Structures are given as structure tokens and as C-alpha cells.
Amino acid sequence: MVIVFATSNAHKVEEVNSLLDNSNVVFHTLKDINWTSEIVENGSSFHQNALIKARTLFDAGHPIVLAEDSGLRVDALNGAPGIYSARYAGEDKNASDNNALLLDNLSNETNRSASFITVICFIYKAEVHFFEGVWQGKIAEHLDGKEGFGYDPLFIPVGYDITVAALGNTTKRKVSHRAKAFLQFKAYLQSANLQ
């Protein structure tokens, strides 16, 4: 089954492909379908933004589409950066700047608890399905580790004492928020005999 995945992020596609191993799913990214229009994510939640992305592609004539919206919620910052995680420090979506701003905003905070969230929206035969994964943890006081991307050098998951970037991609792909959501998606594909 060919699914149009509403992303141009090669990291995400690689991660998802590893989670859906042994399935008959082939993802076509926005680049693969020569999509050049901006999809305006103007929702107020991860669910709304995932739906906006999926619905935009579906309405453009792609019958099987998948979109996901992910982000970091920090308790002491009232859930920020939240849906603005990728552009927390500006529209250029620079991870280094985002991490620096997060550390700065938490410089006087003792409560560093946080969670990553992923929401998947899958549209098949005009039916909309959602899958969600949450990964609890806390924000480190300094950057650490060389693997991963985004906030991985700052996020220490519950049950670990090092950041995701120090844990490495192999562990991350088994236990992350995205892993949890996509494993639910994989189970759905299997139960619905869509593979």
C-alpha cells in the first residue's frame, strides 16, 4: 500500500520505516509527489494540525494519506513550546536556537518535567483515524549527546538518566512517543488487513 506522508523530514520517514518493518507500506513524501505548496498548520492542537495536513493532501486527490504532528510540552512553561515546537525560536525552525531558547526560559525553573507527544492522522477511504503516543521525561540542564534531532539533546525520558541524543536512535525508535503512536498505527493496519 502506498501512503502519502505529509512530511519532507527524512528523519521521520526513516524512523517510521524502521517501526513498520515487515509491512507492505511504502511512503511517498511531499518531495516524492512534487508538493510545493505550504500547508498552513493553523490548528490549536496536535490533533487539529495533523488533520489539517492529512485533509489537505486528501482533498488534493491523494486517497490514502498520513500526517503527524509532534512536539514538546514543558510543564513549567504551561505546555510550551507545544504545537510551536519546531519554530519555537523563529520561523527558520533552527533546532539549536530552539534548544537555546528552551534552556534560557527554564534557567530559573526547578520543575523540568516535560513530555513529547505525537498525533497521527490517517485517512483511508475518506475515514479519519487518530493514533497518539506520549513520552514522559524532563529537560536536562545542558545539551548532551550526538544522535537524534530537535530537542533530543535536552530530553531525558523517564527511566533513563541521559538524554535521548545520548541514548541513541536504536533505543529511541523502540520507546519514543513516535514509536508508541506508529506501533498503534501498525496494529491498526494489521487488524484491518490493510497491509
N, C-alpha and C. Protein backbone atom coordinates (compact mmCIF):
# COMPACT_ATOMS: atom_id res chain seq x y z
N MET A 1 0.84 -1.19 0.00
CA MET A 1 0.00 0.00 0.00
C MET A 1 0.88 1.24 0.00
N VAL A 2 0.57 2.17 -0.89
CA VAL A 2 1.29 3.44 -0.96
C VAL A 2 0.53 4.48 -0.16
N ILE A 3 1.23 5.10 0.78
CA ILE A 3 0.64 6.15 1.61
C ILE A 3 1.42 7.44 1.39
N VAL A 4 0.70 8.50 1.10
CA VAL A 4 1.35 9.81 1.01
C VAL A 4 1.51 10.35 2.43
N PHE A 5 2.75 10.57 2.81
CA PHE A 5 3.10 11.03 4.16
C PHE A 5 3.36 12.53 4.09
N ALA A 6 2.61 13.28 4.85
CA ALA A 6 2.70 14.74 4.81
C ALA A 6 3.94 15.25 5.54
N THR A 7 5.09 14.92 4.99
CA THR A 7 6.34 15.40 5.58
C THR A 7 7.42 15.48 4.51
N SER A 8 8.38 16.34 4.75
CA SER A 8 9.60 16.38 3.94
C SER A 8 10.80 16.01 4.80
N ASN A 9 10.52 15.62 6.05
CA ASN A 9 11.56 15.32 7.03
C ASN A 9 12.06 13.88 6.85
N ALA A 10 13.26 13.76 6.32
CA ALA A 10 13.83 12.44 6.06
C ALA A 10 14.03 11.65 7.35
N HIS A 11 14.32 12.34 8.46
CA HIS A 11 14.49 11.66 9.76
C HIS A 11 13.21 10.92 10.15
N LYS A 12 12.08 11.60 9.97
CA LYS A 12 10.80 10.99 10.35
C LYS A 12 10.50 9.76 9.51
N VAL A 13 10.72 9.86 8.21
CA VAL A 13 10.43 8.73 7.32
C VAL A 13 11.30 7.54 7.67
N GLU A 14 12.57 7.80 7.91
CA GLU A 14 13.49 6.73 8.29
C GLU A 14 13.05 6.06 9.59
N GLU A 15 12.67 6.88 10.55
CA GLU A 15 12.23 6.37 11.85
C GLU A 15 10.96 5.53 11.70
N VAL A 16 10.01 6.04 10.94
CA VAL A 16 8.73 5.34 10.76
C VAL A 16 8.93 4.03 10.00
N ASN A 17 9.76 4.04 8.97
CA ASN A 17 10.02 2.82 8.22
C ASN A 17 10.60 1.73 9.12
N SER A 18 11.45 2.12 10.07
CA SER A 18 12.03 1.13 10.97
C SER A 18 10.98 0.57 11.92
N LEU A 19 9.98 1.37 12.27
CA LEU A 19 8.91 0.92 13.16
C LEU A 19 7.93 0.00 12.45
N LEU A 20 7.74 0.22 11.17
CA LEU A 20 6.77 -0.56 10.41
C LEU A 20 7.44 -1.66 9.60
N ASP A 21 8.56 -2.16 10.09
CA ASP A 21 9.29 -3.19 9.36
C ASP A 21 8.39 -4.39 9.06
N ASN A 22 8.68 -5.03 7.98
CA ASN A 22 7.92 -6.21 7.54
C ASN A 22 6.49 -5.88 7.15
N SER A 23 6.20 -4.61 6.95
CA SER A 23 4.86 -4.27 6.45
C SER A 23 4.97 -3.96 4.96
N ASN A 24 3.84 -3.93 4.30
CA ASN A 24 3.84 -3.66 2.86
C ASN A 24 3.51 -2.20 2.57
N VAL A 25 3.91 -1.32 3.48
CA VAL A 25 3.64 0.10 3.32
C VAL A 25 4.83 0.78 2.66
N VAL A 26 4.53 1.58 1.65
CA VAL A 26 5.54 2.42 1.01
C VAL A 26 5.09 3.86 1.17
N PHE A 27 5.96 4.68 1.75
CA PHE A 27 5.62 6.09 1.94
C PHE A 27 6.15 6.94 0.79
N HIS A 28 5.28 7.81 0.31
CA HIS A 28 5.70 8.86 -0.61
C HIS A 28 5.64 10.17 0.16
N THR A 29 6.75 10.86 0.22
CA THR A 29 6.81 12.13 0.94
C THR A 29 6.30 13.27 0.05
N LEU A 30 6.22 14.45 0.64
CA LEU A 30 5.82 15.63 -0.14
C LEU A 30 6.77 15.85 -1.30
N LYS A 31 8.04 15.60 -1.07
CA LYS A 31 9.03 15.74 -2.14
C LYS A 31 8.77 14.72 -3.24
N ASP A 32 8.43 13.50 -2.87
CA ASP A 32 8.17 12.45 -3.86
C ASP A 32 7.00 12.79 -4.78
N ILE A 33 6.01 13.50 -4.25
CA ILE A 33 4.83 13.84 -5.07
C ILE A 33 4.93 15.26 -5.64
N ASN A 34 6.13 15.85 -5.51
CA ASN A 34 6.38 17.21 -6.02
C ASN A 34 5.43 18.25 -5.44
N TRP A 35 5.14 18.09 -4.14
CA TRP A 35 4.27 19.05 -3.45
C TRP A 35 5.09 20.27 -3.06
N THR A 36 4.70 21.42 -3.55
CA THR A 36 5.46 22.64 -3.26
C THR A 36 4.66 23.68 -2.48
N SER A 37 3.36 23.48 -2.38
CA SER A 37 2.52 24.45 -1.66
C SER A 37 2.73 24.31 -0.15
N GLU A 38 2.69 25.42 0.54
CA GLU A 38 2.78 25.37 2.00
C GLU A 38 1.45 24.90 2.57
N ILE A 39 1.53 23.99 3.52
CA ILE A 39 0.33 23.57 4.25
C ILE A 39 0.30 24.37 5.54
N VAL A 40 -0.65 25.24 5.67
CA VAL A 40 -0.71 26.14 6.83
C VAL A 40 -1.28 25.38 8.02
N GLU A 41 -0.43 25.18 9.02
CA GLU A 41 -0.85 24.49 10.24
C GLU A 41 -1.37 25.52 11.24
N ASN A 42 -2.63 25.85 11.12
CA ASN A 42 -3.18 26.90 11.98
C ASN A 42 -4.15 26.35 13.03
N GLY A 43 -4.01 25.06 13.33
CA GLY A 43 -4.83 24.47 14.38
C GLY A 43 -4.32 24.87 15.76
N SER A 44 -5.11 24.57 16.77
CA SER A 44 -4.73 24.91 18.14
C SER A 44 -4.31 23.69 18.95
N SER A 45 -4.16 22.55 18.27
CA SER A 45 -3.74 21.32 18.95
C SER A 45 -2.99 20.44 17.97
N PHE A 46 -2.29 19.42 18.51
CA PHE A 46 -1.61 18.46 17.66
C PHE A 46 -2.61 17.71 16.77
N HIS A 47 -3.77 17.36 17.33
CA HIS A 47 -4.80 16.66 16.56
C HIS A 47 -5.27 17.51 15.37
N GLN A 48 -5.53 18.79 15.63
CA GLN A 48 -6.02 19.66 14.56
C GLN A 48 -4.98 19.84 13.47
N ASN A 49 -3.72 20.03 13.85
CA ASN A 49 -2.68 20.23 12.84
C ASN A 49 -2.44 18.97 12.02
N ALA A 50 -2.47 17.81 12.66
CA ALA A 50 -2.31 16.56 11.91
C ALA A 50 -3.46 16.39 10.92
N LEU A 51 -4.68 16.71 11.36
CA LEU A 51 -5.85 16.60 10.49
C LEU A 51 -5.76 17.59 9.33
N ILE A 52 -5.32 18.80 9.60
CA ILE A 52 -5.18 19.81 8.54
C ILE A 52 -4.23 19.31 7.45
N LYS A 53 -3.10 18.76 7.86
CA LYS A 53 -2.12 18.28 6.88
C LYS A 53 -2.68 17.10 6.08
N ALA A 54 -3.29 16.15 6.77
CA ALA A 54 -3.83 14.98 6.08
C ALA A 54 -4.99 15.37 5.16
N ARG A 55 -5.88 16.21 5.65
CA ARG A 55 -7.05 16.61 4.87
C ARG A 55 -6.64 17.40 3.62
N THR A 56 -5.59 18.22 3.74
CA THR A 56 -5.12 19.00 2.59
C THR A 56 -4.68 18.07 1.46
N LEU A 57 -3.93 17.04 1.80
CA LEU A 57 -3.46 16.10 0.78
C LEU A 57 -4.62 15.25 0.24
N PHE A 58 -5.50 14.84 1.13
CA PHE A 58 -6.66 14.04 0.70
C PHE A 58 -7.52 14.85 -0.28
N ASP A 59 -7.78 16.10 0.07
CA ASP A 59 -8.61 16.95 -0.79
C ASP A 59 -7.93 17.25 -2.12
N ALA A 60 -6.59 17.11 -2.16
CA ALA A 60 -5.85 17.34 -3.41
C ALA A 60 -5.83 16.09 -4.29
N GLY A 61 -6.51 15.02 -3.85
CA GLY A 61 -6.65 13.85 -4.71
C GLY A 61 -5.82 12.64 -4.32
N HIS A 62 -5.22 12.67 -3.13
CA HIS A 62 -4.45 11.52 -2.66
C HIS A 62 -5.34 10.70 -1.72
N PRO A 63 -5.75 9.49 -2.12
CA PRO A 63 -6.77 8.76 -1.36
C PRO A 63 -6.31 8.13 -0.05
N ILE A 64 -5.01 7.87 0.08
CA ILE A 64 -4.50 7.28 1.32
C ILE A 64 -3.38 8.18 1.83
N VAL A 65 -3.65 8.86 2.92
CA VAL A 65 -2.67 9.85 3.41
C VAL A 65 -2.45 9.69 4.91
N LEU A 66 -1.29 10.11 5.32
CA LEU A 66 -0.93 10.08 6.73
C LEU A 66 -0.19 11.37 7.06
N ALA A 67 -0.54 11.93 8.20
CA ALA A 67 0.17 13.11 8.69
C ALA A 67 0.37 12.94 10.18
N GLU A 68 1.42 13.53 10.68
CA GLU A 68 1.61 13.50 12.12
C GLU A 68 2.09 14.86 12.58
N ASP A 69 1.72 15.18 13.79
CA ASP A 69 2.18 16.41 14.40
C ASP A 69 2.78 16.03 15.75
N SER A 70 3.96 16.52 15.98
CA SER A 70 4.68 16.17 17.21
C SER A 70 5.22 17.43 17.86
N GLY A 71 5.45 17.31 19.16
CA GLY A 71 6.04 18.45 19.83
C GLY A 71 6.39 18.13 21.27
N LEU A 72 6.97 19.11 21.89
CA LEU A 72 7.42 19.01 23.27
C LEU A 72 6.56 19.91 24.15
N ARG A 73 6.04 19.35 25.23
CA ARG A 73 5.28 20.14 26.20
C ARG A 73 6.07 20.19 27.50
N VAL A 74 6.33 21.38 27.98
CA VAL A 74 7.09 21.57 29.22
C VAL A 74 6.15 22.12 30.28
N ASP A 75 6.05 21.42 31.39
CA ASP A 75 5.06 21.78 32.41
C ASP A 75 5.26 23.19 32.95
N ALA A 76 6.50 23.55 33.25
CA ALA A 76 6.77 24.86 33.85
C ALA A 76 6.49 26.01 32.88
N LEU A 77 6.38 25.69 31.59
CA LEU A 77 6.11 26.71 30.57
C LEU A 77 4.67 26.61 30.07
N ASN A 78 3.80 26.06 30.92
CA ASN A 78 2.38 25.93 30.58
C ASN A 78 2.14 25.19 29.28
N GLY A 79 2.97 24.17 29.03
CA GLY A 79 2.79 23.36 27.84
C GLY A 79 3.57 23.81 26.62
N ALA A 80 4.23 24.96 26.72
CA ALA A 80 5.06 25.42 25.60
C ALA A 80 6.32 24.55 25.53
N PRO A 81 6.95 24.45 24.38
CA PRO A 81 6.59 25.08 23.11
C PRO A 81 5.39 24.45 22.39
N GLY A 82 4.97 23.25 22.77
CA GLY A 82 3.75 22.66 22.24
C GLY A 82 3.72 22.57 20.72
N ILE A 83 2.61 23.04 20.14
CA ILE A 83 2.45 22.95 18.69
C ILE A 83 3.44 23.84 17.94
N TYR A 84 4.12 24.71 18.67
CA TYR A 84 5.12 25.58 18.04
C TYR A 84 6.54 25.06 18.23
N SER A 85 6.68 23.79 18.59
CA SER A 85 7.99 23.22 18.93
C SER A 85 9.04 23.43 17.84
N ALA A 86 8.67 23.18 16.59
CA ALA A 86 9.66 23.29 15.50
C ALA A 86 10.09 24.73 15.25
N ARG A 87 9.20 25.68 15.54
CA ARG A 87 9.51 27.09 15.27
C ARG A 87 9.50 27.92 16.55
N TYR A 88 9.89 27.30 17.64
CA TYR A 88 9.88 27.95 18.96
C TYR A 88 10.71 29.23 18.96
N ALA A 89 11.88 29.19 18.33
CA ALA A 89 12.77 30.36 18.32
C ALA A 89 12.69 31.15 17.01
N GLY A 90 11.76 30.78 16.14
CA GLY A 90 11.63 31.50 14.88
C GLY A 90 11.19 30.61 13.74
N GLU A 91 10.74 31.24 12.67
CA GLU A 91 10.18 30.51 11.53
C GLU A 91 11.21 29.69 10.75
N ASP A 92 12.50 29.94 10.98
CA ASP A 92 13.51 29.16 10.25
C ASP A 92 13.68 27.75 10.82
N LYS A 93 12.99 27.45 11.93
CA LYS A 93 12.96 26.10 12.52
C LYS A 93 14.35 25.56 12.84
N ASN A 94 15.16 26.40 13.45
CA ASN A 94 16.53 26.02 13.79
C ASN A 94 16.56 25.31 15.14
N ALA A 95 16.97 24.04 15.15
CA ALA A 95 16.95 23.24 16.38
C ALA A 95 17.89 23.80 17.44
N SER A 96 19.05 24.27 17.03
CA SER A 96 20.00 24.84 18.01
C SER A 96 19.41 26.06 18.70
N ASP A 97 18.76 26.91 17.93
CA ASP A 97 18.13 28.11 18.50
C ASP A 97 16.97 27.72 19.41
N ASN A 98 16.18 26.72 18.99
CA ASN A 98 15.06 26.25 19.82
C ASN A 98 15.56 25.73 21.16
N ASN A 99 16.62 24.93 21.13
CA ASN A 99 17.18 24.37 22.37
C ASN A 99 17.73 25.47 23.27
N ALA A 100 18.40 26.44 22.67
CA ALA A 100 18.98 27.54 23.44
C ALA A 100 17.87 28.36 24.12
N LEU A 101 16.80 28.62 23.40
CA LEU A 101 15.68 29.38 23.97
C LEU A 101 15.01 28.60 25.09
N LEU A 102 14.85 27.30 24.90
CA LEU A 102 14.23 26.47 25.93
C LEU A 102 15.06 26.50 27.21
N LEU A 103 16.36 26.31 27.07
CA LEU A 103 17.25 26.36 28.25
C LEU A 103 17.16 27.72 28.93
N ASP A 104 17.13 28.77 28.14
CA ASP A 104 17.05 30.12 28.70
C ASP A 104 15.74 30.32 29.46
N ASN A 105 14.65 29.84 28.89
CA ASN A 105 13.33 30.01 29.53
C ASN A 105 13.17 29.16 30.79
N LEU A 106 14.01 28.14 30.92
CA LEU A 106 13.95 27.28 32.10
C LEU A 106 15.08 27.55 33.09
N SER A 107 15.85 28.61 32.85
CA SER A 107 17.05 28.86 33.65
C SER A 107 16.76 29.02 35.14
N ASN A 108 15.59 29.49 35.51
CA ASN A 108 15.25 29.69 36.92
C ASN A 108 14.20 28.71 37.42
N GLU A 109 13.97 27.64 36.65
CA GLU A 109 12.92 26.68 37.00
C GLU A 109 13.51 25.42 37.62
N THR A 110 12.88 24.96 38.70
CA THR A 110 13.28 23.68 39.28
C THR A 110 12.43 22.54 38.73
N ASN A 111 11.20 22.85 38.34
CA ASN A 111 10.33 21.85 37.72
C ASN A 111 10.68 21.74 36.25
N ARG A 112 11.32 20.65 35.87
CA ARG A 112 11.77 20.49 34.49
C ARG A 112 11.03 19.34 33.78
N SER A 113 9.90 18.91 34.37
CA SER A 113 9.15 17.81 33.77
C SER A 113 8.56 18.22 32.43
N ALA A 114 8.55 17.26 31.52
CA ALA A 114 8.10 17.54 30.15
C ALA A 114 7.61 16.25 29.52
N SER A 115 7.01 16.38 28.36
CA SER A 115 6.60 15.20 27.60
C SER A 115 6.62 15.51 26.12
N PHE A 116 7.01 14.50 25.36
CA PHE A 116 6.90 14.55 23.91
C PHE A 116 5.56 13.93 23.55
N ILE A 117 4.92 14.47 22.52
CA ILE A 117 3.66 13.89 22.04
C ILE A 117 3.69 13.79 20.52
N THR A 118 3.14 12.72 20.01
CA THR A 118 2.92 12.54 18.57
C THR A 118 1.47 12.18 18.35
N VAL A 119 0.84 12.85 17.41
CA VAL A 119 -0.51 12.50 16.99
C VAL A 119 -0.47 12.21 15.49
N ILE A 120 -0.94 11.03 15.12
CA ILE A 120 -1.02 10.62 13.72
C ILE A 120 -2.45 10.75 13.26
N CYS A 121 -2.62 11.28 12.06
CA CYS A 121 -3.92 11.28 11.40
C CYS A 121 -3.78 10.48 10.11
N PHE A 122 -4.60 9.45 9.97
CA PHE A 122 -4.57 8.58 8.79
C PHE A 122 -5.94 8.63 8.13
N ILE A 123 -5.95 8.94 6.85
CA ILE A 123 -7.21 8.96 6.10
C ILE A 123 -7.16 7.86 5.05
N TYR A 124 -8.14 6.98 5.13
CA TYR A 124 -8.26 5.85 4.20
C TYR A 124 -9.72 5.68 3.84
N LYS A 125 -10.02 5.73 2.55
CA LYS A 125 -11.41 5.64 2.08
C LYS A 125 -12.28 6.70 2.77
N ALA A 126 -11.72 7.87 2.90
CA ALA A 126 -12.40 9.04 3.47
C ALA A 126 -12.67 8.93 4.97
N GLU A 127 -12.21 7.85 5.59
CA GLU A 127 -12.37 7.70 7.04
C GLU A 127 -11.12 8.23 7.74
N VAL A 128 -11.34 8.97 8.81
CA VAL A 128 -10.24 9.59 9.55
C VAL A 128 -9.97 8.80 10.83
N HIS A 129 -8.71 8.47 11.04
CA HIS A 129 -8.30 7.72 12.24
C HIS A 129 -7.14 8.46 12.91
N PHE A 130 -7.17 8.49 14.24
CA PHE A 130 -6.09 9.13 15.01
C PHE A 130 -5.38 8.10 15.89
N PHE A 131 -4.08 8.28 16.05
CA PHE A 131 -3.25 7.46 16.93
C PHE A 131 -2.32 8.41 17.68
N GLU A 132 -2.14 8.17 18.99
CA GLU A 132 -1.38 9.12 19.81
C GLU A 132 -0.36 8.39 20.69
N GLY A 133 0.81 8.99 20.80
CA GLY A 133 1.85 8.48 21.68
C GLY A 133 2.43 9.59 22.53
N VAL A 134 2.65 9.29 23.81
CA VAL A 134 3.22 10.27 24.74
C VAL A 134 4.45 9.66 25.41
N TRP A 135 5.49 10.46 25.57
CA TRP A 135 6.75 10.03 26.19
C TRP A 135 7.08 11.02 27.30
N GLN A 136 7.02 10.56 28.53
CA GLN A 136 7.26 11.42 29.69
C GLN A 136 8.76 11.54 29.98
N GLY A 137 9.14 12.67 30.55
CA GLY A 137 10.54 12.86 30.91
C GLY A 137 10.78 14.22 31.54
N LYS A 138 11.99 14.72 31.38
CA LYS A 138 12.34 16.03 31.92
C LYS A 138 13.39 16.67 31.02
N ILE A 139 13.58 17.96 31.22
CA ILE A 139 14.55 18.71 30.42
C ILE A 139 15.87 18.79 31.18
N ALA A 140 16.94 18.40 30.49
CA ALA A 140 18.28 18.46 31.09
C ALA A 140 18.71 19.92 31.26
N GLU A 141 19.75 20.11 32.03
CA GLU A 141 20.25 21.48 32.26
C GLU A 141 21.25 21.90 31.20
N HIS A 142 21.71 20.96 30.40
CA HIS A 142 22.62 21.31 29.30
C HIS A 142 22.49 20.26 28.19
N LEU A 143 22.91 20.61 27.00
CA LEU A 143 22.85 19.71 25.86
C LEU A 143 23.79 18.53 26.06
N ASP A 144 23.34 17.35 25.61
CA ASP A 144 24.19 16.17 25.70
C ASP A 144 23.79 15.16 24.63
N GLY A 145 24.78 14.54 24.00
CA GLY A 145 24.53 13.50 23.01
C GLY A 145 24.61 14.01 21.59
N LYS A 146 24.83 13.08 20.67
CA LYS A 146 25.06 13.47 19.28
C LYS A 146 24.06 12.85 18.30
N GLU A 147 23.20 11.96 18.75
CA GLU A 147 22.23 11.34 17.84
C GLU A 147 20.88 12.03 17.96
N GLY A 148 19.99 11.68 17.04
CA GLY A 148 18.66 12.25 17.08
C GLY A 148 18.61 13.63 16.46
N PHE A 149 17.54 14.35 16.74
CA PHE A 149 17.34 15.68 16.18
C PHE A 149 16.39 16.46 17.08
N GLY A 150 16.17 17.71 16.77
CA GLY A 150 15.25 18.53 17.55
C GLY A 150 15.68 18.70 18.99
N TYR A 151 14.78 18.37 19.91
CA TYR A 151 15.05 18.53 21.34
C TYR A 151 15.71 17.30 21.98
N ASP A 152 16.09 16.34 21.16
CA ASP A 152 16.70 15.11 21.70
C ASP A 152 17.90 15.35 22.61
N PRO A 153 18.75 16.35 22.36
CA PRO A 153 19.89 16.58 23.26
C PRO A 153 19.51 17.13 24.63
N LEU A 154 18.22 17.47 24.82
CA LEU A 154 17.78 18.05 26.10
C LEU A 154 16.78 17.18 26.85
N PHE A 155 16.18 16.22 26.19
CA PHE A 155 15.09 15.45 26.80
C PHE A 155 15.61 14.16 27.43
N ILE A 156 15.37 14.02 28.73
CA ILE A 156 15.74 12.81 29.47
C ILE A 156 14.45 12.04 29.77
N PRO A 157 14.24 10.89 29.13
CA PRO A 157 13.00 10.14 29.35
C PRO A 157 12.94 9.52 30.74
N VAL A 158 11.72 9.33 31.23
CA VAL A 158 11.52 8.61 32.49
C VAL A 158 12.15 7.23 32.35
N GLY A 159 12.90 6.83 33.39
CA GLY A 159 13.56 5.53 33.37
C GLY A 159 15.00 5.59 32.89
N TYR A 160 15.43 6.76 32.46
CA TYR A 160 16.80 6.94 31.99
C TYR A 160 17.44 8.13 32.70
N ASP A 161 18.77 8.19 32.69
CA ASP A 161 19.45 9.33 33.30
C ASP A 161 20.31 10.07 32.29
N ILE A 162 20.08 9.80 31.00
CA ILE A 162 20.77 10.51 29.93
C ILE A 162 19.75 10.96 28.90
N THR A 163 20.15 11.90 28.06
CA THR A 163 19.23 12.44 27.06
C THR A 163 18.99 11.44 25.94
N VAL A 164 17.96 11.71 25.17
CA VAL A 164 17.63 10.88 24.02
C VAL A 164 18.79 10.86 23.03
N ALA A 165 19.43 12.02 22.84
CA ALA A 165 20.55 12.09 21.91
C ALA A 165 21.73 11.25 22.37
N ALA A 166 21.86 11.05 23.68
CA ALA A 166 22.92 10.19 24.22
C ALA A 166 22.49 8.72 24.22
N LEU A 167 21.17 8.48 24.35
CA LEU A 167 20.64 7.11 24.31
C LEU A 167 20.91 6.47 22.95
N GLY A 168 20.73 7.25 21.92
CA GLY A 168 20.91 6.74 20.56
C GLY A 168 19.62 6.39 19.88
N ASN A 169 19.68 6.34 18.57
CA ASN A 169 18.48 6.13 17.76
C ASN A 169 17.87 4.74 17.93
N THR A 170 18.68 3.74 18.18
CA THR A 170 18.15 2.38 18.30
C THR A 170 17.18 2.28 19.47
N THR A 171 17.58 2.82 20.62
CA THR A 171 16.69 2.82 21.79
C THR A 171 15.50 3.73 21.56
N LYS A 172 15.76 4.91 21.02
CA LYS A 172 14.69 5.88 20.78
C LYS A 172 13.59 5.27 19.92
N ARG A 173 13.97 4.56 18.89
CA ARG A 173 12.98 4.02 17.96
C ARG A 173 12.12 2.93 18.58
N LYS A 174 12.52 2.44 19.73
CA LYS A 174 11.72 1.41 20.41
C LYS A 174 10.74 2.00 21.42
N VAL A 175 11.09 3.14 22.02
CA VAL A 175 10.32 3.61 23.18
C VAL A 175 9.79 5.04 23.08
N SER A 176 10.04 5.73 21.98
CA SER A 176 9.66 7.14 21.88
C SER A 176 8.16 7.34 21.70
N HIS A 177 7.75 8.59 21.78
CA HIS A 177 6.37 8.99 21.52
C HIS A 177 5.96 8.59 20.10
N ARG A 178 6.85 8.80 19.14
CA ARG A 178 6.55 8.44 17.76
C ARG A 178 6.44 6.92 17.62
N ALA A 179 7.31 6.20 18.32
CA ALA A 179 7.25 4.74 18.29
C ALA A 179 5.90 4.25 18.82
N LYS A 180 5.46 4.81 19.93
CA LYS A 180 4.19 4.40 20.53
C LYS A 180 3.02 4.64 19.58
N ALA A 181 3.02 5.82 18.95
CA ALA A 181 1.92 6.15 18.04
C ALA A 181 1.95 5.27 16.79
N PHE A 182 3.13 5.06 16.22
CA PHE A 182 3.20 4.29 14.99
C PHE A 182 3.02 2.79 15.22
N LEU A 183 3.34 2.31 16.42
CA LEU A 183 3.04 0.91 16.72
C LEU A 183 1.54 0.69 16.82
N GLN A 184 0.82 1.70 17.33
CA GLN A 184 -0.65 1.64 17.31
C GLN A 184 -1.16 1.62 15.87
N PHE A 185 -0.56 2.46 15.05
CA PHE A 185 -0.93 2.52 13.63
C PHE A 185 -0.66 1.19 12.95
N LYS A 186 0.49 0.60 13.24
CA LYS A 186 0.83 -0.70 12.66
C LYS A 186 -0.18 -1.76 13.07
N ALA A 187 -0.56 -1.77 14.35
CA ALA A 187 -1.55 -2.73 14.83
C ALA A 187 -2.88 -2.53 14.12
N TYR A 188 -3.25 -1.27 13.88
CA TYR A 188 -4.49 -0.99 13.16
C TYR A 188 -4.41 -1.55 11.73
N LEU A 189 -3.31 -1.32 11.05
CA LEU A 189 -3.16 -1.82 9.68
C LEU A 189 -3.29 -3.34 9.64
N GLN A 190 -2.70 -3.99 10.63
CA GLN A 190 -2.77 -5.45 10.68
C GLN A 190 -4.18 -5.94 10.98
N SER A 191 -4.85 -5.31 11.93
CA SER A 191 -6.19 -5.76 12.32
C SER A 191 -7.23 -5.48 11.22
N ALA A 192 -6.98 -4.42 10.46
CA ALA A 192 -7.90 -4.06 9.39
C ALA A 192 -7.52 -4.70 8.05
N ASN A 193 -6.44 -5.51 8.09
CA ASN A 193 -5.95 -6.17 6.88
C ASN A 193 -5.67 -5.20 5.74
N LEU A 194 -5.02 -4.09 6.10
CA LEU A 194 -4.70 -3.08 5.09
C LEU A 194 -3.27 -3.20 4.58
N GLN A 195 -2.48 -4.11 5.15
CA GLN A 195 -1.08 -4.22 4.72
C GLN A 195 -0.96 -4.99 3.43
